[in-house]
C-alpha atoms as a PDB file:
ATOM      1  CA  MET A   1       3.722  52.401  21.890  1.00  0.00           C
ATOM      2  CA  ILE A   2       3.542  55.952  20.362  1.00  0.00           C
ATOM      3  CA  TYR A   3       6.697  58.191  20.860  1.00  0.00           C
ATOM      4  CA  GLN A   4       6.374  61.939  21.582  1.00  0.00           C
ATOM      5  CA  ASP A   5       8.249  64.440  19.557  1.00  0.00           C
ATOM      6  CA  ASP A   6      11.154  64.976  22.073  1.00  0.00           C
ATOM      7  CA  ASN A   7      11.911  61.081  22.058  1.00  0.00           C
ATOM      8  CA  VAL A   8      12.092  60.593  18.486  1.00  0.00           C
ATOM      9  CA  LEU A   9      15.496  59.458  17.134  1.00  0.00           C
ATOM     10  CA  SER A  10      17.518  60.358  13.990  1.00  0.00           C
ATOM     11  CA  ILE A  11      17.446  57.534  11.313  1.00  0.00           C
ATOM     12  CA  SER A  12      21.023  58.293  10.415  1.00  0.00           C
ATOM     13  CA  GLY A  13      22.133  57.235  13.852  1.00  0.00           C
ATOM     14  CA  ILE A  14      21.155  53.898  13.356  1.00  0.00           C
ATOM     15  CA  GLN A  15      24.548  53.550  11.352  1.00  0.00           C
ATOM     16  CA  HIS A  16      26.296  55.123  14.009  1.00  0.00           C
ATOM     17  CA  PHE A  17      24.992  52.769  16.494  1.00  0.00           C
ATOM     18  CA  VAL A  18      25.825  49.623  14.716  1.00  0.00           C
ATOM     19  CA  TYR A  19      29.349  50.811  14.019  1.00  0.00           C
ATOM     20  CA  CYS A  20      29.871  51.675  17.632  1.00  0.00           C
ATOM     21  CA  ARG A  21      27.305  52.163  20.739  1.00  0.00           C
ATOM     22  CA  ARG A  22      29.633  54.793  22.177  1.00  0.00           C
ATOM     23  CA  GLN A  23      30.028  56.883  19.057  1.00  0.00           C
ATOM     24  CA  TRP A  24      26.332  57.027  18.675  1.00  0.00           C
ATOM     25  CA  ALA A  25      25.924  58.145  22.106  1.00  0.00           C
ATOM     26  CA  LEU A  26      28.546  60.867  21.794  1.00  0.00           C
ATOM     27  CA  ILE A  27      26.941  62.182  18.846  1.00  0.00           C
ATOM     28  CA  HIS A  28      23.210  61.752  19.577  1.00  0.00           C
ATOM     29  CA  ILE A  29      23.092  62.201  23.415  1.00  0.00           C
ATOM     30  CA  GLU A  30      26.193  64.301  24.128  1.00  0.00           C
ATOM     31  CA  GLN A  31      25.955  66.142  20.888  1.00  0.00           C
ATOM     32  CA  GLN A  32      29.639  65.809  20.028  1.00  0.00           C
ATOM     33  CA  TRP A  33      30.975  65.687  16.455  1.00  0.00           C
ATOM     34  CA  GLU A  34      34.238  65.837  14.490  1.00  0.00           C
ATOM     35  CA  GLU A  35      34.761  65.767  10.658  1.00  0.00           C
ATOM     36  CA  ASN A  36      37.182  63.577   8.916  1.00  0.00           C
ATOM     37  CA  LEU A  37      37.704  62.871   5.217  1.00  0.00           C
ATOM     38  CA  LEU A  38      35.293  60.171   5.115  1.00  0.00           C
ATOM     39  CA  THR A  39      32.540  62.125   6.813  1.00  0.00           C
ATOM     40  CA  VAL A  40      33.030  65.201   4.531  1.00  0.00           C
ATOM     41  CA  SER A  41      33.069  63.156   1.382  1.00  0.00           C
ATOM     42  CA  GLY A  42      29.782  61.221   2.414  1.00  0.00           C
ATOM     43  CA  GLU A  43      28.111  64.639   3.279  1.00  0.00           C
ATOM     44  CA  SER A  44      29.043  65.898  -0.116  1.00  0.00           C
ATOM     45  CA  MET A  45      27.232  62.966  -1.803  1.00  0.00           C
ATOM     46  CA  HIS A  46      24.238  63.470   0.335  1.00  0.00           C
ATOM     47  CA  GLN A  47      23.879  67.045  -0.624  1.00  0.00           C
ATOM     48  CA  LYS A  48      23.776  66.156  -4.186  1.00  0.00           C
ATOM     49  CA  ALA A  49      21.080  63.704  -3.654  1.00  0.00           C
ATOM     50  CA  HIS A  50      18.984  65.772  -1.609  1.00  0.00           C
ATOM     51  CA  ASP A  51      16.758  68.666  -2.702  1.00  0.00           C
ATOM     52  CA  ASN A  52      13.339  68.362  -1.271  1.00  0.00           C
ATOM     53  CA  THR A  53      12.095  70.883  -3.787  1.00  0.00           C
ATOM     54  CA  PHE A  54      12.887  68.389  -6.551  1.00  0.00           C
ATOM     55  CA  SER A  55      10.954  65.812  -8.217  1.00  0.00           C
ATOM     56  CA  GLU A  56      10.841  64.231 -11.581  1.00  0.00           C
ATOM     57  CA  THR A  57       9.278  61.553 -13.685  1.00  0.00           C
ATOM     58  CA  ARG A  58      11.222  59.106 -15.751  1.00  0.00           C
ATOM     59  CA  ASN A  59       9.422  56.625 -17.851  1.00  0.00           C
ATOM     60  CA  GLY A  60       6.211  56.746 -15.497  1.00  0.00           C
ATOM     61  CA  VAL A  61       8.521  56.517 -12.497  1.00  0.00           C
ATOM     62  CA  ILE A  62       8.171  59.379  -9.838  1.00  0.00           C
ATOM     63  CA  ILE A  63      11.477  60.062  -8.393  1.00  0.00           C
ATOM     64  CA  SER A  64      11.575  62.213  -5.117  1.00  0.00           C
ATOM     65  CA  ARG A  65      14.652  63.624  -3.624  1.00  0.00           C
ATOM     66  CA  GLY A  66      15.138  64.672   0.167  1.00  0.00           C
ATOM     67  CA  MET A  67      11.591  63.209   1.362  1.00  0.00           C
ATOM     68  CA  GLN A  68      11.204  63.705   5.116  1.00  0.00           C
ATOM     69  CA  VAL A  69       9.830  60.431   6.836  1.00  0.00           C
ATOM     70  CA  SER A  70       8.931  59.522  10.292  1.00  0.00           C
ATOM     71  CA  SER A  71       7.230  56.767  12.469  1.00  0.00           C
ATOM     72  CA  TYR A  72       6.016  57.586  15.767  1.00  0.00           C
ATOM     73  CA  GLU A  73       5.336  53.993  16.431  1.00  0.00           C
ATOM     74  CA  LEU A  74       9.179  53.178  16.093  1.00  0.00           C
ATOM     75  CA  GLY A  75       9.988  56.776  17.525  1.00  0.00           C
ATOM     76  CA  ILE A  76      12.446  57.629  14.414  1.00  0.00           C
ATOM     77  CA  TYR A  77      12.612  60.314  11.724  1.00  0.00           C
ATOM     78  CA  GLY A  78      14.951  61.232   8.892  1.00  0.00           C
ATOM     79  CA  VAL A  79      15.408  62.247   5.261  1.00  0.00           C
ATOM     80  CA  CYS A  80      15.533  59.840   2.389  1.00  0.00           C
ATOM     81  CA  ASP A  81      18.234  60.481  -0.321  1.00  0.00           C
ATOM     82  CA  VAL A  82      15.883  59.109  -3.129  1.00  0.00           C
ATOM     83  CA  VAL A  83      12.333  57.432  -3.178  1.00  0.00           C
ATOM     84  CA  GLU A  84      11.074  56.083  -6.431  1.00  0.00           C
ATOM     85  CA  PHE A  85       7.430  55.412  -6.962  1.00  0.00           C
ATOM     86  CA  VAL A  86       7.165  52.771  -9.674  1.00  0.00           C
ATOM     87  CA  PRO A  87       3.641  52.169 -11.416  1.00  0.00           C
ATOM     88  CA  SER A  88       2.461  48.924 -10.430  1.00  0.00           C
ATOM     89  CA  SER A  89      -0.866  46.707 -10.314  1.00  0.00           C
ATOM     90  CA  GLU A  90      -1.004  47.193  -6.616  1.00  0.00           C
ATOM     91  CA  GLY A  91       0.722  49.186  -3.848  1.00  0.00           C
ATOM     92  CA  ALA A  92       0.495  52.685  -2.661  1.00  0.00           C
ATOM     93  CA  ILE A  93      -1.740  55.273  -3.653  1.00  0.00           C
ATOM     94  CA  ILE A  94      -0.180  58.780  -4.478  1.00  0.00           C
ATOM     95  CA  HIS A  95      -2.245  61.813  -4.020  1.00  0.00           C
ATOM     96  CA  ASN A  96      -3.249  63.459  -7.427  1.00  0.00           C
ATOM     97  CA  LYS A  97      -1.799  60.455  -9.301  1.00  0.00           C
ATOM     98  CA  GLU A  98      -3.700  57.485 -10.964  1.00  0.00           C
ATOM     99  CA  GLY A  99      -3.220  53.935 -10.252  1.00  0.00           C
ATOM    100  CA  TYR A 100      -0.939  52.312  -7.557  1.00  0.00           C
ATOM    101  CA  PHE A 101       2.844  52.569  -7.012  1.00  0.00           C
ATOM    102  CA  LYS A 102       5.470  50.530  -5.650  1.00  0.00           C
ATOM    103  CA  ILE A 103       7.774  52.393  -3.377  1.00  0.00           C
ATOM    104  CA  ILE A 104      11.640  51.743  -3.397  1.00  0.00           C
ATOM    105  CA  PRO A 105      13.975  53.866  -1.114  1.00  0.00           C
ATOM    106  CA  VAL A 106      17.396  54.419  -2.447  1.00  0.00           C
ATOM    107  CA  GLU A 107      20.148  55.493   0.022  1.00  0.00           C
ATOM    108  CA  TYR A 108      23.426  56.877  -1.574  1.00  0.00           C
ATOM    109  CA  LYS A 109      26.726  55.986   0.191  1.00  0.00           C
ATOM    110  CA  HIS A 110      30.180  57.321  -0.487  1.00  0.00           C
ATOM    111  CA  GLY A 111      32.174  54.231  -0.186  1.00  0.00           C
ATOM    112  CA  GLU A 112      31.577  50.444  -0.920  1.00  0.00           C
ATOM    113  CA  PRO A 113      29.504  47.747   0.839  1.00  0.00           C
ATOM    114  CA  LYS A 114      30.166  47.082   4.420  1.00  0.00           C
ATOM    115  CA  THR A 115      30.938  43.754   6.106  1.00  0.00           C
ATOM    116  CA  SER A 116      28.202  44.783   8.607  1.00  0.00           C
ATOM    117  CA  ASP A 117      24.462  45.447   8.106  1.00  0.00           C
ATOM    118  CA  ALA A 118      24.697  49.293   9.032  1.00  0.00           C
ATOM    119  CA  ASP A 119      23.885  50.462   5.709  1.00  0.00           C
ATOM    120  CA  ILE A 120      20.924  48.022   5.151  1.00  0.00           C
ATOM    121  CA  LEU A 121      19.534  48.885   8.456  1.00  0.00           C
ATOM    122  CA  GLN A 122      19.536  52.444   7.804  1.00  0.00           C
ATOM    123  CA  VAL A 123      17.486  52.255   4.509  1.00  0.00           C
ATOM    124  CA  ALA A 124      15.184  49.631   6.051  1.00  0.00           C
ATOM    125  CA  ALA A 125      14.331  52.154   8.716  1.00  0.00           C
ATOM    126  CA  GLN A 126      13.434  54.671   5.907  1.00  0.00           C
ATOM    127  CA  ALA A 127      11.131  52.012   4.349  1.00  0.00           C
ATOM    128  CA  MET A 128       9.283  51.208   7.459  1.00  0.00           C
ATOM    129  CA  CYS A 129       8.610  54.845   7.975  1.00  0.00           C
ATOM    130  CA  LEU A 130       7.264  55.053   4.486  1.00  0.00           C
ATOM    131  CA  GLU A 131       5.198  51.957   4.927  1.00  0.00           C
ATOM    132  CA  ASN A 132       3.505  53.716   7.717  1.00  0.00           C
ATOM    133  CA  MET A 133       3.135  56.939   5.798  1.00  0.00           C
ATOM    134  CA  PHE A 134       1.577  55.413   2.512  1.00  0.00           C
ATOM    135  CA  CYS A 135      -0.166  52.369   4.089  1.00  0.00           C
ATOM    136  CA  THR A 136       1.644  50.078   2.124  1.00  0.00           C
ATOM    137  CA  LYS A 137       4.410  47.010   2.046  1.00  0.00           C
ATOM    138  CA  ILE A 138       7.782  47.532   0.786  1.00  0.00           C
ATOM    139  CA  ASP A 139       9.635  44.514  -0.298  1.00  0.00           C
ATOM    140  CA  GLU A 140      12.892  46.000  -1.880  1.00  0.00           C
ATOM    141  CA  LEU A 141      15.924  48.271  -0.492  1.00  0.00           C
ATOM    142  CA  ASN A 142      18.280  49.929  -2.833  1.00  0.00           C
ATOM    143  CA  ILE A 143      21.780  51.115  -1.894  1.00  0.00           C
ATOM    144  CA  TYR A 144      23.925  53.238  -4.421  1.00  0.00           C
ATOM    145  CA  TYR A 145      27.681  52.955  -3.594  1.00  0.00           C
ATOM    146  CA  GLY A 146      29.834  55.845  -4.768  1.00  0.00           C
ATOM    147  CA  LYS A 147      33.278  53.841  -4.949  1.00  0.00           C
ATOM    148  CA  THR A 148      31.873  50.883  -6.713  1.00  0.00           C
ATOM    149  CA  ARG A 149      29.172  52.928  -9.011  1.00  0.00           C
ATOM    150  CA  HIS A 150      26.818  50.186  -8.288  1.00  0.00           C
ATOM    151  CA  ARG A 151      23.254  50.043  -7.036  1.00  0.00           C
ATOM    152  CA  GLU A 152      22.577  46.994  -4.716  1.00  0.00           C
ATOM    153  CA  LYS A 153      19.040  45.688  -4.375  1.00  0.00           C
ATOM    154  CA  ILE A 154      18.275  43.957  -1.134  1.00  0.00           C
ATOM    155  CA  PRO A 155      15.087  41.982  -0.232  1.00  0.00           C
ATOM    156  CA  PHE A 156      13.344  43.507   2.660  1.00  0.00           C
ATOM    157  CA  THR A 157      12.928  40.293   4.665  1.00  0.00           C
ATOM    158  CA  ASP A 158      11.440  39.632   8.081  1.00  0.00           C
ATOM    159  CA  ASP A 159      14.911  39.138   9.531  1.00  0.00           C
ATOM    160  CA  ILE A 160      15.944  42.741   8.592  1.00  0.00           C
ATOM    161  CA  ARG A 161      12.746  43.947  10.049  1.00  0.00           C
ATOM    162  CA  GLU A 162      13.286  41.963  13.323  1.00  0.00           C
ATOM    163  CA  ARG A 163      16.764  43.131  13.776  1.00  0.00           C
ATOM    164  CA  LEU A 164      15.859  46.644  12.959  1.00  0.00           C
ATOM    165  CA  VAL A 165      13.293  46.772  15.868  1.00  0.00           C
ATOM    166  CA  LYS A 166      15.621  45.421  18.332  1.00  0.00           C
ATOM    167  CA  ILE A 167      18.273  47.881  17.340  1.00  0.00           C
ATOM    168  CA  ILE A 168      15.845  50.813  17.656  1.00  0.00           C
ATOM    169  CA  GLU A 169      14.660  49.756  20.930  1.00  0.00           C
ATOM    170  CA  GLU A 170      17.977  49.402  22.363  1.00  0.00           C
ATOM    171  CA  MET A 171      18.750  53.044  20.849  1.00  0.00           C
ATOM    172  CA  HIS A 172      15.602  54.261  22.981  1.00  0.00           C
ATOM    173  CA  GLN A 173      16.657  52.598  25.897  1.00  0.00           C
ATOM    174  CA  LEU A 174      20.146  54.246  26.043  1.00  0.00           C
ATOM    175  CA  TYR A 175      18.529  57.483  24.949  1.00  0.00           C
ATOM    176  CA  ASP A 176      15.942  57.528  27.797  1.00  0.00           C
ATOM    177  CA  ARG A 177      18.757  56.944  30.303  1.00  0.00           C
ATOM    178  CA  ARG A 178      21.128  59.357  28.697  1.00  0.00           C
ATOM    179  CA  TYR A 179      23.593  56.589  29.042  1.00  0.00           C
ATOM    180  CA  THR A 180      27.058  56.802  26.975  1.00  0.00           C
ATOM    181  CA  PRO A 181      28.450  53.182  26.964  1.00  0.00           C
ATOM    182  CA  LYS A 182      31.955  52.617  27.990  1.00  0.00           C
ATOM    183  CA  VAL A 183      34.732  52.194  25.158  1.00  0.00           C
ATOM    184  CA  LYS A 184      35.248  48.668  23.554  1.00  0.00           C
ATOM    185  CA  GLN A 185      38.390  49.349  21.614  1.00  0.00           C
ATOM    186  CA  ASN A 186      38.575  47.732  18.317  1.00  0.00           C
ATOM    187  CA  LYS A 187      39.734  48.037  14.663  1.00  0.00           C
ATOM    188  CA  ASN A 188      36.638  50.480  13.960  1.00  0.00           C
ATOM    189  CA  CYS A 189      38.552  53.030  16.622  1.00  0.00           C
ATOM    190  CA  ARG A 190      41.261  53.918  13.954  1.00  0.00           C
ATOM    191  CA  ALA A 191      38.978  55.336  11.240  1.00  0.00           C
ATOM    192  CA  CYS A 192      36.337  56.763  13.803  1.00  0.00           C
ATOM    193  CA  SER A 193      35.866  60.546  13.400  1.00  0.00           C
ATOM    194  CA  LEU A 194      35.386  60.817  17.211  1.00  0.00           C
ATOM    195  CA  LYS A 195      38.590  59.183  18.018  1.00  0.00           C
ATOM    196  CA  ASN A 196      40.318  62.565  19.343  1.00  0.00           C
ATOM    197  CA  ILE A 197      37.087  63.023  21.575  1.00  0.00           C
ATOM    198  CA  CYS A 198      36.329  59.452  22.754  1.00  0.00           C
ATOM    199  CA  LEU A 199      40.163  58.931  23.556  1.00  0.00           C
ATOM    200  CA  PRO A 200      39.765  55.126  23.504  1.00  0.00           C
ATOM    201  CA  ARG A 201      43.337  54.419  25.025  1.00  0.00           C
ATOM    202  CA  LEU A 202      42.743  56.854  27.835  1.00  0.00           C
ATOM    203  CA  THR A 203      39.377  55.402  28.706  1.00  0.00           C
ATOM    204  CA  LYS A 204      41.009  51.986  29.232  1.00  0.00           C
ATOM    205  CA  ILE A 205      43.017  53.337  32.174  1.00  0.00           C
ATOM    206  CA  SER A 206      41.214  52.714  35.310  1.00  0.00           C
ATOM    207  CA  SER A 207      42.380  55.780  37.242  1.00  0.00           C
ATOM    208  CA  VAL A 208      44.411  58.970  37.339  1.00  0.00           C
ATOM    209  CA  LYS A 209      47.119  57.095  39.412  1.00  0.00           C
ATOM    210  CA  GLY A 210      47.311  54.355  36.766  1.00  0.00           C
ATOM    211  CA  TYR A 211      47.596  57.057  33.938  1.00  0.00           C
ATOM    212  CA  MET A 212      50.320  58.883  35.542  1.00  0.00           C
ATOM    213  CA  SER A 213      52.087  55.786  36.255  1.00  0.00           C
ATOM    214  CA  LYS A 214      52.013  54.883  32.767  1.00  0.00           C
ATOM    215  CA  MET A 215      53.104  57.996  31.515  1.00  0.00           C
ATOM    216  CA  LEU A 216      56.056  58.615  33.984  1.00  0.00           C
ATOM    217  CA  GLY A 217      56.849  54.853  33.908  1.00  0.00           C
ATOM    218  CA  ASP A 218      57.047  54.536  37.596  1.00  0.00           C
ATOM    219  CA  GLU A 219      54.670  53.587  40.536  1.00  0.00           C
ATOM    220  CA  LEU A 220      53.373  56.471  42.484  1.00  0.00           C
END
């Protein structure tokens, strides 16, 4: 399937989707957003990493920042923090460059590694876009965490690919329906930047009558 321009989804939304389907829908379908300390700090780090007018070469490695990527087969688009093109005996061909290059996408995160696979899936989506754009195969994903000041190297396995495709398909299904899932309150709600918009406690109350009864402490 080839998606049209008005149906391609932001790669950055994958992390929101894995964190909470409702949060993703509020942001990417209903266009609602609120900043908190974590989102502001993360945005600051990405602004430093992104500079789509800047590239450099270090020891033969071409480093590109802020590269725009897309895949109409998956229906996704986004911007890579950093993409490294490493000279190799095989791999991608780069315009006006001799030889072949191994492509490594590098995502920058403000915090530390998560218990979920949200960060991995986000950079995996970038990698699949790069594979389509450069007609090559990527076998390594990198994530740099600001809190630990450490760069994680993750093999790009078939399991990650299959999980990513399922997530993207589910995102498209909800987006096509313009459906915002109901709240499922959990520990993530406390740190969510949209908790004042989502109001997870209120959405658990089934009716106005129930809400008034709860607030007044009396049956109506």
